[in-house]
Protein backbone atom coordinates (compact mmCIF):
# COMPACT_ATOMS: atom_id res chain seq x y z
CA MET A 1 0.03 -0.02 -0.05
CA PHE A 2 1.22 3.51 -0.91
CA GLU A 3 0.70 6.58 1.28
CA ILE A 4 1.48 9.95 -0.12
CA GLN A 5 2.94 12.29 2.51
CA ARG A 6 3.56 15.43 0.43
CA MET A 7 3.81 16.44 -3.22
CA GLY A 8 4.28 19.36 -5.56
CA CYS A 9 3.81 19.92 -9.32
CA SER A 10 5.73 22.17 -11.59
CA CYS A 11 7.82 23.53 -8.79
CA ARG A 12 10.09 26.17 -10.17
CA HIS A 13 13.43 27.42 -8.81
CA ASP A 14 16.06 29.74 -10.29
CA SER A 15 19.48 28.80 -11.64
CA SER A 16 21.05 28.88 -8.15
CA PHE A 17 18.82 26.13 -6.73
CA ILE A 18 20.50 23.34 -4.83
CA PHE A 19 18.72 20.76 -2.54
CA ASP A 20 20.97 19.42 0.12
CA LEU A 21 19.63 17.03 2.70
CA PRO A 22 22.48 14.72 3.80
CA LEU A 23 20.25 12.32 5.75
CA GLY A 24 17.38 12.28 3.22
CA PHE A 25 13.77 11.68 4.18
CA ASP A 26 12.18 9.03 6.21
CA GLY A 27 10.09 8.09 3.05
CA TYR A 28 10.78 7.57 -0.58
CA LEU A 29 11.28 10.67 -2.85
CA MET A 30 10.09 10.55 -6.40
CA LEU A 31 11.29 13.44 -8.83
CA TYR A 32 10.21 14.03 -12.30
CA VAL A 33 12.67 16.57 -13.47
CA LYS A 34 11.45 18.84 -16.31
CA THR A 35 14.74 20.75 -16.85
CA LYS A 36 18.41 20.10 -17.11
CA ALA A 37 19.75 19.25 -13.65
CA PHE A 38 22.63 17.65 -11.72
CA PHE A 39 22.55 14.85 -9.14
CA ARG A 40 25.24 13.71 -6.85
CA ILE A 41 24.93 10.04 -6.33
CA GLY A 42 27.70 8.75 -3.93
CA GLU A 43 30.88 10.31 -5.14
CA GLU A 44 29.68 10.88 -8.69
CA THR A 45 27.95 13.91 -10.01
CA ILE A 46 25.89 13.46 -13.14
CA ILE A 47 24.09 15.92 -15.49
CA VAL A 48 20.65 14.81 -16.63
CA GLU A 49 18.47 16.04 -19.45
CA PRO A 50 14.81 17.20 -19.11
CA GLU A 51 12.22 14.53 -18.54
CA THR A 52 14.35 12.55 -16.03
CA PHE A 53 12.61 10.37 -13.40
CA ILE A 54 14.30 9.20 -10.24
CA ILE A 55 13.23 7.56 -6.97
CA TYR A 56 15.33 7.92 -3.91
CA ASN A 57 15.22 5.21 -1.29
CA ARG A 58 14.44 6.14 2.31
CA ASN A 59 17.18 8.03 4.23
CA SER A 60 19.32 8.31 1.02
CA PRO A 61 21.57 11.46 0.92
CA LEU A 62 20.02 14.10 -1.38
CA TYR A 63 22.12 16.59 -3.26
CA TYR A 64 20.77 17.91 -6.57
CA GLY A 65 19.92 21.15 -8.36
CA ALA A 66 19.85 23.34 -11.34
CA ALA A 67 22.34 22.85 -14.27
CA GLY A 68 22.62 25.98 -16.22
CA GLY A 69 19.13 27.46 -16.01
CA ALA A 70 15.92 27.27 -14.01
CA TYR A 71 15.11 24.02 -12.29
CA VAL A 72 11.50 22.58 -12.51
CA ASN A 73 10.24 19.35 -11.18
CA ASP A 74 7.24 17.40 -9.87
CA TRP A 75 7.93 15.57 -6.72
CA MET A 76 6.22 13.21 -4.28
CA LEU A 77 7.30 12.06 -0.85
CA PHE A 78 5.72 8.77 -0.01
CA ASN A 79 5.81 5.63 2.06
CA CYS A 80 4.87 2.12 1.15
CA SER A 81 4.46 -1.19 2.93
CA GLU A 82 6.73 -3.06 0.56
CA VAL A 83 10.45 -2.52 -0.03
CA LEU A 84 11.06 -0.70 -3.33
CA ASP A 85 14.06 -1.81 -5.32
CA SER A 86 15.00 -2.37 -8.96
CA ASP A 87 13.96 -5.98 -8.76
CA ILE A 88 10.15 -5.22 -8.60
CA GLY A 89 10.20 -3.18 -11.79
CA ILE A 90 9.72 0.38 -10.47
């Protein structure tokens, strides 16, 4: 069962936007990024193109932001009763 905690649609930030939450959230974070952006995953920083979708696991470090222009995304913070991982096709 899924339980949505919070969500936002078409959230717009300027070109200086950085989201930094070292301990992450107690739930899963789903992002649908509509603009070019960067993500730091572990020690690697990657640049992604618009229309990127990512789900962060609970308590995962979060560090991402704008890459060369405004940053726009849809997001949802949620919990679920099953463990989400790549083996279940999400």
